[in-house]
Amino acid sequence: MIIYKTYYLAEGYRQLNNTRHCQKKLTPLFPQTSVKVAEILNRLRNSGVITDKQLQYLLSLINPMPRRFYMLSKIPKAFNICTFLDKMPPGRPIVSDCNSESKNVASFIDIILKPPAMKHPSYIKNTYDSQYYKYSYQKNTWNNKQFKL
């Protein structure tokens, strides 16, 4: 589906102007958040939860960047839910964490949580894995995977 820039921007503004879900900020939050993240990490180091080397890694981002908002289009099953005269499907809002003040903390948490998560019976590794289990489900062969539908 080809999406024109004007419709993409209009959908983004439609979502951002929804005061039920969004609140306009005049200045970026990352300078204050950086200070709070550093305080929490220093408390964790002082209490012995993380090491000096881990603290150094977690605080290593020198110039954090503000987060960026963008959307991925939800491809609709029915075009009657599209906004702007059936030309723009609703966008899935995403706020990137690239080079933000919490990027290294998120990576660290991912390193800790990934091994036990991969052992869970319903863990799906990637798109190919999900397609395999979807096909297996359709054929009523579960291959020891447990799903909640």
N, C-alpha and C. Protein backbone atom coordinates (compact mmCIF):
# COMPACT_ATOMS: atom_id res chain seq x y z
N MET A 1 0.85 -1.17 0.00
CA MET A 1 0.00 0.00 0.00
C MET A 1 0.90 1.24 0.00
N ILE A 2 0.64 2.13 -0.90
CA ILE A 2 1.39 3.39 -0.98
C ILE A 2 0.66 4.43 -0.14
N ILE A 3 1.41 5.07 0.74
CA ILE A 3 0.84 6.07 1.64
C ILE A 3 1.50 7.41 1.34
N TYR A 4 0.69 8.39 1.07
CA TYR A 4 1.21 9.72 0.80
C TYR A 4 1.63 10.39 2.11
N LYS A 5 2.66 11.20 2.01
CA LYS A 5 3.22 11.87 3.18
C LYS A 5 2.18 12.70 3.92
N THR A 6 1.32 13.38 3.19
CA THR A 6 0.32 14.23 3.85
C THR A 6 -0.64 13.40 4.70
N TYR A 7 -1.04 12.22 4.21
CA TYR A 7 -1.93 11.36 4.98
C TYR A 7 -1.20 10.77 6.19
N TYR A 8 0.07 10.42 6.01
CA TYR A 8 0.89 9.87 7.10
C TYR A 8 1.01 10.92 8.21
N LEU A 9 1.33 12.14 7.85
CA LEU A 9 1.46 13.22 8.83
C LEU A 9 0.12 13.52 9.51
N ALA A 10 -0.95 13.53 8.72
CA ALA A 10 -2.27 13.80 9.29
C ALA A 10 -2.65 12.73 10.31
N GLU A 11 -2.34 11.46 10.01
CA GLU A 11 -2.62 10.38 10.96
C GLU A 11 -1.78 10.55 12.22
N GLY A 12 -0.52 10.92 12.07
CA GLY A 12 0.35 11.16 13.23
C GLY A 12 -0.17 12.28 14.10
N TYR A 13 -0.55 13.39 13.48
CA TYR A 13 -1.10 14.51 14.25
C TYR A 13 -2.44 14.14 14.89
N ARG A 14 -3.24 13.33 14.20
CA ARG A 14 -4.51 12.89 14.77
C ARG A 14 -4.26 12.14 16.08
N GLN A 15 -3.26 11.28 16.08
CA GLN A 15 -2.96 10.52 17.29
C GLN A 15 -2.33 11.39 18.37
N LEU A 16 -1.39 12.23 17.98
CA LEU A 16 -0.70 13.08 18.96
C LEU A 16 -1.62 14.12 19.58
N ASN A 17 -2.65 14.55 18.86
CA ASN A 17 -3.58 15.55 19.37
C ASN A 17 -4.70 14.94 20.19
N ASN A 18 -4.71 13.62 20.34
CA ASN A 18 -5.70 12.95 21.16
C ASN A 18 -5.29 13.10 22.63
N THR A 19 -5.93 14.00 23.34
CA THR A 19 -5.53 14.32 24.71
C THR A 19 -5.84 13.17 25.68
N ARG A 20 -6.61 12.21 25.24
CA ARG A 20 -6.89 11.05 26.09
C ARG A 20 -5.63 10.19 26.24
N HIS A 21 -4.78 10.18 25.21
CA HIS A 21 -3.60 9.34 25.21
C HIS A 21 -2.28 10.12 25.24
N CYS A 22 -2.29 11.35 24.80
CA CYS A 22 -1.05 12.12 24.68
C CYS A 22 -1.15 13.44 25.41
N GLN A 23 -0.01 13.90 25.87
CA GLN A 23 0.07 15.20 26.53
C GLN A 23 1.24 15.96 25.91
N LYS A 24 0.99 17.16 25.46
CA LYS A 24 2.02 17.95 24.80
C LYS A 24 3.07 18.42 25.81
N LYS A 25 4.32 18.23 25.45
CA LYS A 25 5.45 18.69 26.27
C LYS A 25 6.18 19.77 25.50
N LEU A 26 6.48 20.87 26.14
CA LEU A 26 7.16 21.97 25.48
C LEU A 26 8.67 21.77 25.40
N THR A 27 9.20 21.01 26.34
CA THR A 27 10.64 20.73 26.34
C THR A 27 10.85 19.22 26.46
N PRO A 28 11.97 18.72 25.96
CA PRO A 28 12.23 17.28 26.07
C PRO A 28 12.40 16.85 27.53
N LEU A 29 12.05 15.61 27.81
CA LEU A 29 12.14 15.09 29.17
C LEU A 29 13.47 14.41 29.46
N PHE A 30 14.26 14.11 28.42
CA PHE A 30 15.46 13.30 28.66
C PHE A 30 16.51 13.95 29.56
N PRO A 31 16.65 15.28 29.63
CA PRO A 31 17.64 15.82 30.58
C PRO A 31 17.29 15.47 32.05
N GLN A 32 16.01 15.61 32.42
CA GLN A 32 15.61 15.28 33.78
C GLN A 32 15.64 13.77 34.00
N THR A 33 15.23 13.01 33.00
CA THR A 33 15.22 11.55 33.12
C THR A 33 16.63 11.01 33.26
N SER A 34 17.59 11.60 32.56
CA SER A 34 18.99 11.17 32.67
C SER A 34 19.49 11.26 34.11
N VAL A 35 19.13 12.35 34.78
CA VAL A 35 19.54 12.54 36.17
C VAL A 35 18.90 11.48 37.06
N LYS A 36 17.61 11.21 36.85
CA LYS A 36 16.91 10.21 37.66
C LYS A 36 17.48 8.81 37.43
N VAL A 37 17.77 8.47 36.18
CA VAL A 37 18.34 7.16 35.86
C VAL A 37 19.69 7.02 36.55
N ALA A 38 20.52 8.06 36.49
CA ALA A 38 21.84 8.02 37.14
C ALA A 38 21.71 7.85 38.65
N GLU A 39 20.76 8.53 39.27
CA GLU A 39 20.56 8.40 40.72
C GLU A 39 20.17 6.97 41.09
N ILE A 40 19.25 6.39 40.34
CA ILE A 40 18.80 5.02 40.61
C ILE A 40 19.95 4.04 40.43
N LEU A 41 20.72 4.20 39.35
CA LEU A 41 21.84 3.29 39.10
C LEU A 41 22.91 3.41 40.19
N ASN A 42 23.17 4.62 40.65
CA ASN A 42 24.14 4.80 41.74
C ASN A 42 23.65 4.15 43.03
N ARG A 43 22.34 4.23 43.30
CA ARG A 43 21.79 3.54 44.48
C ARG A 43 21.95 2.03 44.34
N LEU A 44 21.71 1.51 43.13
CA LEU A 44 21.89 0.07 42.90
C LEU A 44 23.35 -0.34 43.12
N ARG A 45 24.27 0.50 42.67
CA ARG A 45 25.70 0.19 42.87
C ARG A 45 26.07 0.25 44.34
N ASN A 46 25.58 1.26 45.05
CA ASN A 46 25.90 1.41 46.48
C ASN A 46 25.33 0.26 47.31
N SER A 47 24.21 -0.30 46.87
CA SER A 47 23.62 -1.42 47.61
C SER A 47 24.17 -2.77 47.15
N GLY A 48 25.07 -2.78 46.17
CA GLY A 48 25.71 -4.01 45.73
C GLY A 48 24.94 -4.83 44.71
N VAL A 49 23.88 -4.26 44.15
CA VAL A 49 23.08 -4.99 43.17
C VAL A 49 23.82 -5.08 41.83
N ILE A 50 24.52 -4.02 41.46
CA ILE A 50 25.32 -4.02 40.23
C ILE A 50 26.77 -3.67 40.58
N THR A 51 27.69 -4.05 39.69
CA THR A 51 29.12 -3.81 39.92
C THR A 51 29.52 -2.45 39.35
N ASP A 52 30.76 -2.04 39.64
CA ASP A 52 31.28 -0.79 39.08
C ASP A 52 31.33 -0.86 37.56
N LYS A 53 31.73 -2.01 37.04
CA LYS A 53 31.82 -2.17 35.58
C LYS A 53 30.44 -2.06 34.94
N GLN A 54 29.43 -2.67 35.57
CA GLN A 54 28.06 -2.57 35.05
C GLN A 54 27.57 -1.13 35.13
N LEU A 55 27.86 -0.45 36.23
CA LEU A 55 27.47 0.95 36.36
C LEU A 55 28.11 1.80 35.27
N GLN A 56 29.38 1.55 35.00
CA GLN A 56 30.08 2.30 33.96
C GLN A 56 29.41 2.09 32.60
N TYR A 57 29.03 0.85 32.29
CA TYR A 57 28.35 0.56 31.02
C TYR A 57 26.99 1.25 30.98
N LEU A 58 26.23 1.13 32.06
CA LEU A 58 24.87 1.67 32.07
C LEU A 58 24.85 3.19 31.98
N LEU A 59 25.90 3.84 32.47
CA LEU A 59 25.98 5.31 32.42
C LEU A 59 26.81 5.82 31.24
N SER A 60 27.24 4.93 30.36
CA SER A 60 28.21 5.31 29.33
C SER A 60 27.67 6.18 28.21
N LEU A 61 26.37 6.30 28.08
CA LEU A 61 25.82 7.13 27.02
C LEU A 61 26.04 8.60 27.35
N ILE A 62 26.91 9.25 26.59
CA ILE A 62 27.34 10.61 26.92
C ILE A 62 26.32 11.66 26.48
N ASN A 63 25.86 11.56 25.26
CA ASN A 63 24.91 12.55 24.73
C ASN A 63 23.59 11.88 24.38
N PRO A 64 22.70 11.72 25.36
CA PRO A 64 21.42 11.08 25.02
C PRO A 64 20.62 11.95 24.06
N MET A 65 19.86 11.29 23.22
CA MET A 65 19.04 11.98 22.22
C MET A 65 17.57 11.89 22.62
N PRO A 66 16.77 12.85 22.19
CA PRO A 66 15.33 12.74 22.46
C PRO A 66 14.74 11.58 21.66
N ARG A 67 13.69 11.04 22.18
CA ARG A 67 13.02 9.93 21.49
C ARG A 67 12.29 10.45 20.25
N ARG A 68 12.12 9.58 19.27
CA ARG A 68 11.44 9.94 18.03
C ARG A 68 10.14 9.17 17.89
N PHE A 69 9.11 9.86 17.49
CA PHE A 69 7.80 9.25 17.25
C PHE A 69 7.67 8.94 15.77
N TYR A 70 7.23 7.74 15.48
CA TYR A 70 6.88 7.40 14.10
C TYR A 70 5.80 6.34 14.15
N MET A 71 5.29 5.97 12.99
CA MET A 71 4.19 4.99 12.94
C MET A 71 4.48 3.92 11.91
N LEU A 72 3.99 2.74 12.21
CA LEU A 72 3.92 1.67 11.23
C LEU A 72 2.45 1.47 10.92
N SER A 73 2.14 1.34 9.66
CA SER A 73 0.73 1.20 9.29
C SER A 73 0.20 -0.16 9.69
N LYS A 74 -0.99 -0.15 10.25
CA LYS A 74 -1.71 -1.39 10.52
C LYS A 74 -2.47 -1.70 9.23
N ILE A 75 -2.12 -2.78 8.60
CA ILE A 75 -2.83 -3.12 7.37
C ILE A 75 -4.20 -3.67 7.76
N PRO A 76 -5.25 -2.96 7.39
CA PRO A 76 -6.58 -3.34 7.85
C PRO A 76 -7.15 -4.51 7.04
N LYS A 77 -8.00 -5.28 7.71
CA LYS A 77 -8.71 -6.35 7.00
C LYS A 77 -9.85 -5.75 6.20
N ALA A 78 -10.38 -4.65 6.68
CA ALA A 78 -11.46 -3.96 5.98
C ALA A 78 -11.07 -2.49 5.86
N PHE A 79 -11.18 -1.94 4.68
CA PHE A 79 -10.74 -0.57 4.46
C PHE A 79 -11.70 0.46 5.02
N ASN A 80 -12.85 0.03 5.53
CA ASN A 80 -13.77 1.01 6.10
C ASN A 80 -13.27 1.57 7.42
N ILE A 81 -12.20 0.99 8.00
CA ILE A 81 -11.64 1.57 9.22
C ILE A 81 -10.51 2.55 8.93
N CYS A 82 -10.17 2.72 7.65
CA CYS A 82 -9.10 3.65 7.30
C CYS A 82 -9.53 5.08 7.57
N THR A 83 -8.56 5.90 7.92
CA THR A 83 -8.84 7.32 8.12
C THR A 83 -8.58 8.05 6.81
N PHE A 84 -9.07 9.23 6.67
CA PHE A 84 -8.83 10.09 5.51
C PHE A 84 -9.29 9.46 4.20
N LEU A 85 -10.59 9.21 4.13
CA LEU A 85 -11.22 8.74 2.89
C LEU A 85 -10.59 7.47 2.34
N ASP A 86 -10.38 6.50 3.20
CA ASP A 86 -9.84 5.19 2.81
C ASP A 86 -8.46 5.25 2.20
N LYS A 87 -7.68 6.29 2.54
CA LYS A 87 -6.34 6.41 1.97
C LYS A 87 -5.23 6.12 2.97
N MET A 88 -5.54 6.13 4.26
CA MET A 88 -4.52 5.92 5.27
C MET A 88 -5.03 4.98 6.34
N PRO A 89 -4.41 3.79 6.47
CA PRO A 89 -4.81 2.91 7.57
C PRO A 89 -4.34 3.51 8.89
N PRO A 90 -4.97 3.13 9.99
CA PRO A 90 -4.52 3.66 11.27
C PRO A 90 -3.06 3.29 11.52
N GLY A 91 -2.32 4.19 12.09
CA GLY A 91 -0.90 3.95 12.35
C GLY A 91 -0.69 3.34 13.72
N ARG A 92 0.30 2.46 13.83
CA ARG A 92 0.70 1.90 15.11
C ARG A 92 1.80 2.81 15.65
N PRO A 93 1.55 3.55 16.72
CA PRO A 93 2.56 4.51 17.20
C PRO A 93 3.76 3.81 17.82
N ILE A 94 4.93 4.30 17.51
CA ILE A 94 6.18 3.78 18.06
C ILE A 94 7.03 4.97 18.50
N VAL A 95 7.60 4.87 19.67
CA VAL A 95 8.54 5.88 20.15
C VAL A 95 9.88 5.18 20.27
N SER A 96 10.84 5.60 19.46
CA SER A 96 12.13 4.91 19.42
C SER A 96 12.93 5.21 20.68
N ASP A 97 13.75 4.25 21.07
CA ASP A 97 14.61 4.39 22.25
C ASP A 97 16.07 4.47 21.83
N CYS A 98 16.32 4.69 20.55
CA CYS A 98 17.70 4.72 20.04
C CYS A 98 18.46 5.89 20.66
N ASN A 99 19.59 5.59 21.26
CA ASN A 99 20.47 6.59 21.88
C ASN A 99 19.78 7.44 22.93
N SER A 100 18.77 6.88 23.59
CA SER A 100 18.13 7.62 24.68
C SER A 100 18.88 7.36 25.98
N GLU A 101 18.47 8.05 27.02
CA GLU A 101 19.15 7.92 28.31
C GLU A 101 18.96 6.54 28.93
N SER A 102 17.94 5.81 28.50
CA SER A 102 17.68 4.49 29.09
C SER A 102 18.03 3.33 28.15
N LYS A 103 18.68 3.62 27.03
CA LYS A 103 19.00 2.59 26.05
C LYS A 103 19.86 1.48 26.64
N ASN A 104 20.93 1.84 27.34
CA ASN A 104 21.82 0.82 27.91
C ASN A 104 21.15 0.03 29.02
N VAL A 105 20.29 0.68 29.78
CA VAL A 105 19.55 -0.02 30.84
C VAL A 105 18.61 -1.04 30.20
N ALA A 106 17.93 -0.65 29.13
CA ALA A 106 17.02 -1.57 28.44
C ALA A 106 17.79 -2.75 27.87
N SER A 107 18.96 -2.51 27.30
CA SER A 107 19.80 -3.60 26.77
C SER A 107 20.24 -4.53 27.88
N PHE A 108 20.61 -3.98 29.03
CA PHE A 108 21.05 -4.77 30.17
C PHE A 108 19.91 -5.66 30.68
N ILE A 109 18.72 -5.09 30.78
CA ILE A 109 17.56 -5.87 31.23
C ILE A 109 17.25 -6.98 30.23
N ASP A 110 17.39 -6.68 28.95
CA ASP A 110 17.16 -7.68 27.91
C ASP A 110 18.14 -8.84 28.05
N ILE A 111 19.40 -8.54 28.33
CA ILE A 111 20.43 -9.58 28.51
C ILE A 111 20.06 -10.49 29.69
N ILE A 112 19.54 -9.90 30.75
CA ILE A 112 19.19 -10.68 31.94
C ILE A 112 17.92 -11.52 31.71
N LEU A 113 16.92 -10.95 31.04
CA LEU A 113 15.64 -11.63 30.90
C LEU A 113 15.56 -12.61 29.73
N LYS A 114 16.42 -12.44 28.73
CA LYS A 114 16.31 -13.29 27.54
C LYS A 114 16.50 -14.78 27.83
N PRO A 115 17.56 -15.20 28.56
CA PRO A 115 17.74 -16.65 28.78
C PRO A 115 16.54 -17.35 29.44
N PRO A 116 15.99 -16.82 30.55
CA PRO A 116 14.83 -17.53 31.10
C PRO A 116 13.60 -17.45 30.19
N ALA A 117 13.46 -16.35 29.47
CA ALA A 117 12.30 -16.23 28.57
C ALA A 117 12.37 -17.26 27.45
N MET A 118 13.58 -17.55 26.97
CA MET A 118 13.73 -18.51 25.88
C MET A 118 13.40 -19.93 26.32
N LYS A 119 13.42 -20.20 27.61
CA LYS A 119 13.11 -21.54 28.12
C LYS A 119 11.61 -21.76 28.30
N HIS A 120 10.83 -20.69 28.23
CA HIS A 120 9.39 -20.81 28.43
C HIS A 120 8.77 -21.59 27.28
N PRO A 121 7.80 -22.48 27.55
CA PRO A 121 7.24 -23.31 26.49
C PRO A 121 6.54 -22.54 25.38
N SER A 122 6.09 -21.32 25.64
CA SER A 122 5.41 -20.58 24.59
C SER A 122 6.31 -19.55 23.91
N TYR A 123 7.62 -19.65 24.13
CA TYR A 123 8.56 -18.71 23.50
C TYR A 123 8.58 -18.92 21.99
N ILE A 124 8.45 -17.84 21.24
CA ILE A 124 8.54 -17.86 19.78
C ILE A 124 9.72 -16.99 19.40
N LYS A 125 10.68 -17.60 18.72
CA LYS A 125 11.97 -16.95 18.45
C LYS A 125 11.86 -15.81 17.44
N ASN A 126 11.19 -16.03 16.33
CA ASN A 126 11.13 -15.02 15.27
C ASN A 126 9.92 -15.28 14.39
N THR A 127 9.81 -14.55 13.30
CA THR A 127 8.66 -14.68 12.42
C THR A 127 8.55 -16.07 11.82
N TYR A 128 9.67 -16.65 11.44
CA TYR A 128 9.63 -17.99 10.85
C TYR A 128 9.14 -19.00 11.87
N ASP A 129 9.59 -18.86 13.11
CA ASP A 129 9.15 -19.74 14.18
C ASP A 129 7.65 -19.60 14.40
N SER A 130 7.16 -18.36 14.40
CA SER A 130 5.73 -18.14 14.61
C SER A 130 4.91 -18.74 13.48
N GLN A 131 5.41 -18.64 12.25
CA GLN A 131 4.69 -19.23 11.12
C GLN A 131 4.66 -20.76 11.23
N TYR A 132 5.78 -21.32 11.69
CA TYR A 132 5.84 -22.78 11.87
C TYR A 132 4.79 -23.24 12.87
N TYR A 133 4.70 -22.54 14.01
CA TYR A 133 3.75 -22.96 15.03
C TYR A 133 2.32 -22.61 14.64
N LYS A 134 2.14 -21.58 13.87
CA LYS A 134 0.81 -21.28 13.35
C LYS A 134 0.36 -22.41 12.43
N TYR A 135 1.24 -22.86 11.56
CA TYR A 135 0.94 -23.97 10.66
C TYR A 135 0.69 -25.25 11.46
N SER A 136 1.51 -25.48 12.49
CA SER A 136 1.33 -26.66 13.34
C SER A 136 0.00 -26.61 14.06
N TYR A 137 -0.39 -25.42 14.51
CA TYR A 137 -1.67 -25.27 15.20
C TYR A 137 -2.81 -25.59 14.26
N GLN A 138 -2.72 -25.11 13.03
CA GLN A 138 -3.78 -25.36 12.05
C GLN A 138 -3.92 -26.85 11.76
N LYS A 139 -2.81 -27.59 11.86
CA LYS A 139 -2.85 -29.03 11.62
C LYS A 139 -3.07 -29.81 12.92
N ASN A 140 -3.35 -29.08 14.02
CA ASN A 140 -3.58 -29.68 15.33
C ASN A 140 -2.39 -30.47 15.85
N THR A 141 -1.19 -30.06 15.51
CA THR A 141 0.00 -30.64 16.10
C THR A 141 0.74 -29.52 16.81
N TRP A 142 0.82 -29.59 18.10
CA TRP A 142 1.34 -28.49 18.89
C TRP A 142 2.84 -28.53 19.08
N ASN A 143 3.48 -29.65 18.94
CA ASN A 143 4.93 -29.76 19.14
C ASN A 143 5.37 -29.22 20.51
N ASN A 144 4.61 -29.55 21.53
CA ASN A 144 4.94 -29.18 22.91
C ASN A 144 4.93 -27.68 23.18
N LYS A 145 4.36 -26.89 22.30
CA LYS A 145 4.23 -25.45 22.57
C LYS A 145 2.87 -25.21 23.19
N GLN A 146 2.79 -24.30 24.17
CA GLN A 146 1.54 -24.00 24.84
C GLN A 146 1.14 -22.58 24.47
N PHE A 147 -0.05 -22.45 23.94
CA PHE A 147 -0.55 -21.14 23.53
C PHE A 147 -1.84 -20.84 24.24
N LYS A 148 -2.06 -19.57 24.55
CA LYS A 148 -3.35 -19.11 25.03
C LYS A 148 -3.97 -18.30 23.91
N LEU A 149 -5.07 -18.76 23.42
CA LEU A 149 -5.72 -18.04 22.31
C LEU A 149 -6.91 -17.26 22.81
